[in-house]
Structures are given as C-alpha cells and as structure tokens.
Amino acid sequence: MLALSAADKEALMQTEKKNPDWRVRERARTVLLLAQGKTCAQVAALQELSMRTVSSTRNRWIAAGLDGLADLPRSGAPAKLPRQQIERLLQWVRDEPLTVTALKARHEEAGGTPVHSNTLKALLKAEGFVWKRTRHSLKKMR
C-alpha cells in the first residue's frame, strides 16, 4: 500500500482528470488504486495492464513523485544535418524562393551532407515554411 499525503492525492486526481497525455492519466490512476490498498495484481487486472507495468509505475512514483509519471525522453535517430548546415539552408530559402530540388543541388554544391529531398521537405515544414505546387496548365475560362 502506498501512503499519499492529501496534497499528493489531490494532485494525482487532477492529473488523472486533466492531463493531456493518456499515459500520464493512466499512471496517476494506477498510483491512486495502489494507495487505496489494492495489490499490484488487482490493479493490473482492473486496468488491464501487466504486473510489470504496475510495479514499474509504483517504483517510479516512489522515486520521483509526480515527475515520475511522465514518459522518459527518447533518443530517436541522430540528426541528418548539422545545425550549421540547417541554418545555411534556411537562410537560402529566406533569401529567395527555391524548389526542394534546387535547394538540394545548391546544398550539395556547397559541400553539404548528401540528404534525400524528403529530409529537406520535412526540415522546411518543421521550420514553418509552406509552398504550393506550380500549376502547369490553366483551365479555360468561360
């Protein structure tokens, strides 16, 4: 059984109701159920979780409190381009409108790391740039 202070219990109830991340809400519910005196097996059955998940949530709560309910940072894939090259690409796009193909060619001519055009598209989109496809044919007006 977990012993919770009144402040912790209130914070967990608010987290369970209002946190935008469903994982954090689920973990808060797990801690509240454990504080009611339920065993890890009972909580796992109630929430349809594994015993390992409930035990892990309990241990993270004991170690870190409310901060232990959030997901840990993930490492992810390494960046395809160094920050210096990204800044140079963004400056080129700010200076003049370029197609992704032209931007890629200019980048590789300047000795930049070879990347796929989809990587450049994703980079530009993440930085807030938008573009429209050029219309190659005009419809007849009536």
C-alpha atoms as a PDB file:
ATOM      1  CA  MET A   1       0.000   0.000   0.000  1.00  0.00           C
ATOM      2  CA  LEU A   2       1.233   3.469  -0.883  1.00  0.00           C
ATOM      3  CA  ALA A   3       0.764   6.228   1.647  1.00  0.00           C
ATOM      4  CA  LEU A   4      -0.228   9.511  -0.005  1.00  0.00           C
ATOM      5  CA  SER A   5      -0.422  12.955   1.526  1.00  0.00           C
ATOM      6  CA  ALA A   6      -3.582  14.958   0.935  1.00  0.00           C
ATOM      7  CA  ALA A   7      -1.673  17.221  -1.482  1.00  0.00           C
ATOM      8  CA  ASP A   8      -0.336  14.231  -3.454  1.00  0.00           C
ATOM      9  CA  LYS A   9      -3.794  12.669  -3.637  1.00  0.00           C
ATOM     10  CA  GLU A  10      -5.324  15.919  -4.890  1.00  0.00           C
ATOM     11  CA  ALA A  11      -2.530  16.388  -7.438  1.00  0.00           C
ATOM     12  CA  LEU A  12      -2.995  12.814  -8.693  1.00  0.00           C
ATOM     13  CA  MET A  13      -6.759  13.262  -9.040  1.00  0.00           C
ATOM     14  CA  GLN A  14      -6.241  16.480 -11.021  1.00  0.00           C
ATOM     15  CA  THR A  15      -3.632  14.757 -13.181  1.00  0.00           C
ATOM     16  CA  GLU A  16      -5.969  11.834 -13.806  1.00  0.00           C
ATOM     17  CA  LYS A  17      -8.735  14.186 -14.958  1.00  0.00           C
ATOM     18  CA  LYS A  18      -6.903  16.919 -16.846  1.00  0.00           C
ATOM     19  CA  ASN A  19      -3.514  15.818 -18.122  1.00  0.00           C
ATOM     20  CA  PRO A  20      -3.474  15.804 -21.948  1.00  0.00           C
ATOM     21  CA  ASP A  21      -1.282  12.674 -22.108  1.00  0.00           C
ATOM     22  CA  TRP A  22      -3.316   9.489 -21.670  1.00  0.00           C
ATOM     23  CA  ARG A  23      -0.259   7.613 -20.377  1.00  0.00           C
ATOM     24  CA  VAL A  24       0.190  10.050 -17.504  1.00  0.00           C
ATOM     25  CA  ARG A  25      -3.536   9.833 -16.689  1.00  0.00           C
ATOM     26  CA  GLU A  26      -3.331   6.035 -16.632  1.00  0.00           C
ATOM     27  CA  ARG A  27      -0.267   6.079 -14.366  1.00  0.00           C
ATOM     28  CA  ALA A  28      -1.947   8.527 -11.988  1.00  0.00           C
ATOM     29  CA  ARG A  29      -4.938   6.171 -11.792  1.00  0.00           C
ATOM     30  CA  THR A  30      -2.568   3.284 -11.055  1.00  0.00           C
ATOM     31  CA  VAL A  31      -0.983   5.142  -8.135  1.00  0.00           C
ATOM     32  CA  LEU A  32      -4.409   6.115  -6.759  1.00  0.00           C
ATOM     33  CA  LEU A  33      -5.566   2.498  -6.870  1.00  0.00           C
ATOM     34  CA  LEU A  34      -2.394   1.340  -5.127  1.00  0.00           C
ATOM     35  CA  ALA A  35      -2.953   3.987  -2.449  1.00  0.00           C
ATOM     36  CA  GLN A  36      -6.427   2.519  -1.799  1.00  0.00           C
ATOM     37  CA  GLY A  37      -4.715  -0.659  -0.623  1.00  0.00           C
ATOM     38  CA  LYS A  38      -5.059  -2.744  -3.767  1.00  0.00           C
ATOM     39  CA  THR A  39      -2.238  -5.096  -4.708  1.00  0.00           C
ATOM     40  CA  CYS A  40      -0.277  -4.817  -7.931  1.00  0.00           C
ATOM     41  CA  ALA A  41      -2.101  -7.889  -9.244  1.00  0.00           C
ATOM     42  CA  GLN A  42      -5.519  -6.371  -8.518  1.00  0.00           C
ATOM     43  CA  VAL A  43      -4.590  -3.053 -10.139  1.00  0.00           C
ATOM     44  CA  ALA A  44      -3.163  -4.867 -13.175  1.00  0.00           C
ATOM     45  CA  ALA A  45      -6.426  -6.802 -13.564  1.00  0.00           C
ATOM     46  CA  LEU A  46      -8.582  -3.674 -13.127  1.00  0.00           C
ATOM     47  CA  GLN A  47      -6.646  -1.626 -15.647  1.00  0.00           C
ATOM     48  CA  GLU A  48      -5.819  -4.498 -17.995  1.00  0.00           C
ATOM     49  CA  LEU A  49      -2.088  -3.907 -17.586  1.00  0.00           C
ATOM     50  CA  SER A  50       0.778  -6.249 -16.900  1.00  0.00           C
ATOM     51  CA  MET A  51       2.102  -6.667 -13.361  1.00  0.00           C
ATOM     52  CA  ARG A  52       5.444  -5.359 -14.593  1.00  0.00           C
ATOM     53  CA  THR A  53       3.850  -2.101 -15.791  1.00  0.00           C
ATOM     54  CA  VAL A  54       2.053  -1.546 -12.482  1.00  0.00           C
ATOM     55  CA  SER A  55       5.191  -2.343 -10.497  1.00  0.00           C
ATOM     56  CA  SER A  56       7.264  -0.014 -12.679  1.00  0.00           C
ATOM     57  CA  THR A  57       4.727   2.805 -12.204  1.00  0.00           C
ATOM     58  CA  ARG A  58       4.777   2.230  -8.429  1.00  0.00           C
ATOM     59  CA  ASN A  59       8.590   2.335  -8.318  1.00  0.00           C
ATOM     60  CA  ARG A  60       8.740   5.495 -10.440  1.00  0.00           C
ATOM     61  CA  TRP A  61       6.190   7.170  -8.156  1.00  0.00           C
ATOM     62  CA  ILE A  62       8.240   6.276  -5.072  1.00  0.00           C
ATOM     63  CA  ALA A  63      11.446   7.538  -6.687  1.00  0.00           C
ATOM     64  CA  ALA A  64      10.236  10.728  -8.392  1.00  0.00           C
ATOM     65  CA  GLY A  65       6.653  11.510  -7.368  1.00  0.00           C
ATOM     66  CA  LEU A  66       4.571  13.356  -9.976  1.00  0.00           C
ATOM     67  CA  ASP A  67       7.617  13.811 -12.215  1.00  0.00           C
ATOM     68  CA  GLY A  68       7.894  10.025 -12.460  1.00  0.00           C
ATOM     69  CA  LEU A  69       4.533   9.740 -14.221  1.00  0.00           C
ATOM     70  CA  ALA A  70       5.693  11.352 -17.470  1.00  0.00           C
ATOM     71  CA  ASP A  71       7.452   9.400 -20.207  1.00  0.00           C
ATOM     72  CA  LEU A  72      11.229   9.470 -20.222  1.00  0.00           C
ATOM     73  CA  PRO A  73      12.875  11.232 -23.160  1.00  0.00           C
ATOM     74  CA  ARG A  74      13.546   9.033 -26.165  1.00  0.00           C
ATOM     75  CA  SER A  75      16.803   9.194 -28.032  1.00  0.00           C
ATOM     76  CA  GLY A  76      15.476   8.842 -31.578  1.00  0.00           C
ATOM     77  CA  ALA A  77      17.536   8.869 -34.728  1.00  0.00           C
ATOM     78  CA  PRO A  78      20.518  11.199 -34.971  1.00  0.00           C
ATOM     79  CA  ALA A  79      20.054  14.412 -36.932  1.00  0.00           C
ATOM     80  CA  LYS A  80      20.709  14.046 -40.648  1.00  0.00           C
ATOM     81  CA  LEU A  81      22.268  17.506 -40.924  1.00  0.00           C
ATOM     82  CA  PRO A  82      24.465  19.501 -38.555  1.00  0.00           C
ATOM     83  CA  ARG A  83      22.856  22.681 -37.150  1.00  0.00           C
ATOM     84  CA  GLN A  84      25.243  24.905 -39.145  1.00  0.00           C
ATOM     85  CA  GLN A  85      24.076  23.390 -42.453  1.00  0.00           C
ATOM     86  CA  ILE A  86      20.428  23.685 -41.398  1.00  0.00           C
ATOM     87  CA  GLU A  87      20.897  27.401 -40.668  1.00  0.00           C
ATOM     88  CA  ARG A  88      22.556  27.877 -44.075  1.00  0.00           C
ATOM     89  CA  LEU A  89      19.670  26.104 -45.845  1.00  0.00           C
ATOM     90  CA  LEU A  90      17.081  28.183 -44.010  1.00  0.00           C
ATOM     91  CA  GLN A  91      18.915  31.381 -44.887  1.00  0.00           C
ATOM     92  CA  TRP A  92      18.963  30.435 -48.575  1.00  0.00           C
ATOM     93  CA  VAL A  93      15.222  29.787 -48.515  1.00  0.00           C
ATOM     94  CA  ARG A  94      14.570  33.108 -46.755  1.00  0.00           C
ATOM     95  CA  ASP A  95      16.687  34.984 -49.315  1.00  0.00           C
ATOM     96  CA  GLU A  96      14.997  33.548 -52.409  1.00  0.00           C
ATOM     97  CA  PRO A  97      12.263  31.010 -53.104  1.00  0.00           C
ATOM     98  CA  LEU A  98      13.806  27.728 -54.205  1.00  0.00           C
ATOM     99  CA  THR A  99      12.344  24.389 -55.119  1.00  0.00           C
ATOM    100  CA  VAL A 100      13.446  21.476 -52.969  1.00  0.00           C
ATOM    101  CA  THR A 101      15.406  20.088 -55.923  1.00  0.00           C
ATOM    102  CA  ALA A 102      17.239  23.389 -56.434  1.00  0.00           C
ATOM    103  CA  LEU A 103      17.869  23.703 -52.693  1.00  0.00           C
ATOM    104  CA  LYS A 104      19.275  20.177 -52.564  1.00  0.00           C
ATOM    105  CA  ALA A 105      21.570  20.832 -55.546  1.00  0.00           C
ATOM    106  CA  ARG A 106      22.824  24.106 -54.050  1.00  0.00           C
ATOM    107  CA  HIS A 107      23.406  22.390 -50.706  1.00  0.00           C
ATOM    108  CA  GLU A 108      25.442  19.578 -52.251  1.00  0.00           C
ATOM    109  CA  GLU A 109      27.434  22.020 -54.435  1.00  0.00           C
ATOM    110  CA  ALA A 110      28.391  23.903 -51.264  1.00  0.00           C
ATOM    111  CA  GLY A 111      29.809  20.678 -49.814  1.00  0.00           C
ATOM    112  CA  GLY A 112      26.862  19.856 -47.583  1.00  0.00           C
ATOM    113  CA  THR A 113      25.986  16.406 -46.337  1.00  0.00           C
ATOM    114  CA  PRO A 114      24.061  14.495 -49.022  1.00  0.00           C
ATOM    115  CA  VAL A 115      20.417  14.107 -47.957  1.00  0.00           C
ATOM    116  CA  HIS A 116      17.190  12.960 -49.555  1.00  0.00           C
ATOM    117  CA  SER A 117      14.783  15.633 -50.793  1.00  0.00           C
ATOM    118  CA  ASN A 118      12.142  14.317 -48.344  1.00  0.00           C
ATOM    119  CA  THR A 119      14.509  15.190 -45.492  1.00  0.00           C
ATOM    120  CA  LEU A 120      14.702  18.759 -46.775  1.00  0.00           C
ATOM    121  CA  LYS A 121      10.908  18.920 -47.145  1.00  0.00           C
ATOM    122  CA  ALA A 122      10.461  17.736 -43.556  1.00  0.00           C
ATOM    123  CA  LEU A 123      13.028  20.262 -42.330  1.00  0.00           C
ATOM    124  CA  LEU A 124      11.309  23.155 -44.113  1.00  0.00           C
ATOM    125  CA  LYS A 125       7.891  22.072 -42.884  1.00  0.00           C
ATOM    126  CA  ALA A 126       9.170  21.811 -39.288  1.00  0.00           C
ATOM    127  CA  GLU A 127      10.548  25.355 -39.592  1.00  0.00           C
ATOM    128  CA  GLY A 128       7.161  26.668 -40.722  1.00  0.00           C
ATOM    129  CA  PHE A 129       7.747  27.059 -44.447  1.00  0.00           C
ATOM    130  CA  VAL A 130       4.859  26.306 -46.802  1.00  0.00           C
ATOM    131  CA  TRP A 131       4.720  26.134 -50.568  1.00  0.00           C
ATOM    132  CA  LYS A 132       2.296  25.423 -53.347  1.00  0.00           C
ATOM    133  CA  ARG A 133       2.783  23.276 -56.378  1.00  0.00           C
ATOM    134  CA  THR A 134       3.022  25.294 -59.567  1.00  0.00           C
ATOM    135  CA  ARG A 135       0.091  24.752 -61.883  1.00  0.00           C
ATOM    136  CA  HIS A 136       1.348  23.639 -65.294  1.00  0.00           C
ATOM    137  CA  SER A 137      -1.890  24.118 -67.204  1.00  0.00           C
ATOM    138  CA  LEU A 138      -4.543  26.733 -66.998  1.00  0.00           C
ATOM    139  CA  LYS A 139      -8.172  25.780 -67.328  1.00  0.00           C
ATOM    140  CA  LYS A 140     -10.120  27.633 -69.966  1.00  0.00           C
ATOM    141  CA  MET A 141     -12.250  30.380 -68.568  1.00  0.00           C
ATOM    142  CA  ARG A 142     -15.823  30.552 -69.856  1.00  0.00           C
END
